[in-house]
C-alpha atoms as a PDB file:
ATOM      1  CA  MET A   1      74.291 -64.063  13.321  1.00  0.00           C
ATOM      2  CA  SER A   2      77.614 -62.421  14.096  1.00  0.00           C
ATOM      3  CA  VAL A   3      80.975 -64.030  13.524  1.00  0.00           C
ATOM      4  CA  ALA A   4      81.513 -64.186  17.287  1.00  0.00           C
ATOM      5  CA  GLY A   5      78.177 -65.953  17.714  1.00  0.00           C
ATOM      6  CA  GLU A   6      79.012 -68.458  15.019  1.00  0.00           C
ATOM      7  CA  SER A   7      82.435 -69.134  16.561  1.00  0.00           C
ATOM      8  CA  GLY A   8      80.874 -69.523  19.996  1.00  0.00           C
ATOM      9  CA  GLY A   9      78.367 -72.007  18.640  1.00  0.00           C
ATOM     10  CA  ARG A  10      81.116 -73.947  16.918  1.00  0.00           C
ATOM     11  CA  ALA A  11      83.211 -73.937  20.092  1.00  0.00           C
ATOM     12  CA  GLN A  12      80.252 -75.279  22.078  1.00  0.00           C
ATOM     13  CA  GLU A  13      79.650 -77.982  19.474  1.00  0.00           C
ATOM     14  CA  LEU A  14      83.305 -79.032  19.618  1.00  0.00           C
ATOM     15  CA  ARG A  15      83.220 -79.169  23.430  1.00  0.00           C
ATOM     16  CA  GLN A  16      80.151 -81.405  23.243  1.00  0.00           C
ATOM     17  CA  LEU A  17      81.869 -83.728  20.771  1.00  0.00           C
ATOM     18  CA  ALA A  18      84.949 -83.857  23.014  1.00  0.00           C
ATOM     19  CA  GLN A  19      82.797 -84.811  25.991  1.00  0.00           C
ATOM     20  CA  GLU A  20      81.106 -87.552  23.982  1.00  0.00           C
ATOM     21  CA  ALA A  21      84.493 -88.913  22.860  1.00  0.00           C
ATOM     22  CA  ASP A  22      85.681 -88.922  26.490  1.00  0.00           C
ATOM     23  CA  GLN A  23      82.582 -90.817  27.576  1.00  0.00           C
ATOM     24  CA  ALA A  24      83.039 -93.342  24.774  1.00  0.00           C
ATOM     25  CA  ALA A  25      86.678 -93.773  25.807  1.00  0.00           C
ATOM     26  CA  GLU A  26      85.580 -94.578  29.358  1.00  0.00           C
ATOM     27  CA  ARG A  27      83.291 -97.309  28.022  1.00  0.00           C
ATOM     28  CA  ALA A  28      85.835 -98.734  25.553  1.00  0.00           C
ATOM     29  CA  ALA A  29      87.243-102.122  26.516  1.00  0.00           C
ATOM     30  CA  ASP A  30      90.079-102.034  23.985  1.00  0.00           C
ATOM     31  CA  PRO A  31      93.056 -99.967  25.236  1.00  0.00           C
ATOM     32  CA  GLU A  32      93.960 -98.851  21.707  1.00  0.00           C
ATOM     33  CA  GLN A  33      90.430 -97.647  21.020  1.00  0.00           C
ATOM     34  CA  ARG A  34      90.386 -95.872  24.386  1.00  0.00           C
ATOM     35  CA  LYS A  35      93.642 -94.077  23.500  1.00  0.00           C
ATOM     36  CA  ARG A  36      92.307 -93.042  20.076  1.00  0.00           C
ATOM     37  CA  LEU A  37      89.125 -91.661  21.624  1.00  0.00           C
ATOM     38  CA  LYS A  38      91.058 -89.761  24.318  1.00  0.00           C
ATOM     39  CA  ASP A  39      93.314 -88.270  21.604  1.00  0.00           C
ATOM     40  CA  LYS A  40      90.258 -87.294  19.563  1.00  0.00           C
ATOM     41  CA  ALA A  41      88.709 -85.609  22.615  1.00  0.00           C
ATOM     42  CA  ARG A  42      91.943 -83.679  23.246  1.00  0.00           C
ATOM     43  CA  ARG A  43      92.086 -82.477  19.625  1.00  0.00           C
ATOM     44  CA  LEU A  44      88.441 -81.414  19.735  1.00  0.00           C
ATOM     45  CA  ARG A  45      89.065 -79.421  22.933  1.00  0.00           C
ATOM     46  CA  GLU A  46      92.036 -77.686  21.292  1.00  0.00           C
ATOM     47  CA  GLN A  47      89.878 -76.800  18.286  1.00  0.00           C
ATOM     48  CA  SER A  48      87.183 -75.547  20.641  1.00  0.00           C
ATOM     49  CA  GLU A  49      89.671 -73.263  22.389  1.00  0.00           C
ATOM     50  CA  GLN A  50      90.856 -71.899  19.049  1.00  0.00           C
ATOM     51  CA  ALA A  51      87.303 -71.272  17.843  1.00  0.00           C
ATOM     52  CA  SER A  52      86.459 -69.634  21.150  1.00  0.00           C
ATOM     53  CA  SER A  53      89.468 -67.300  21.091  1.00  0.00           C
ATOM     54  CA  MET A  54      88.877 -66.365  17.447  1.00  0.00           C
ATOM     55  CA  GLY A  55      85.264 -65.525  18.237  1.00  0.00           C
ATOM     56  CA  SER A  56      86.301 -63.277  21.092  1.00  0.00           C
ATOM     57  CA  GLY A  57      88.556 -61.279  18.807  1.00  0.00           C
ATOM     58  CA  ASP A  58      91.794 -62.672  20.199  1.00  0.00           C
ATOM     59  CA  ILE A  59      94.167 -62.708  17.247  1.00  0.00           C
ATOM     60  CA  TYR A  60      96.756 -64.896  18.961  1.00  0.00           C
ATOM     61  CA  PRO A  61      95.889 -68.593  19.259  1.00  0.00           C
ATOM     62  CA  PRO A  62      96.548 -70.214  22.653  1.00  0.00           C
ATOM     63  CA  GLN A  63     100.097 -71.476  23.083  1.00  0.00           C
END
């Protein structure tokens, strides 16, 4: 598998984890837990974007 393919797979995996964290946040009754899950989802999306841009050959991470 190519590096781009591996990065794309990792990006997809991170997006899936972010979606799951968002869904868990929607179900969370505790406001603090909801905030933690939303923050986790945001971080996972950022990592996904970085993995995606690295896989496409973009040498500059998103700003």
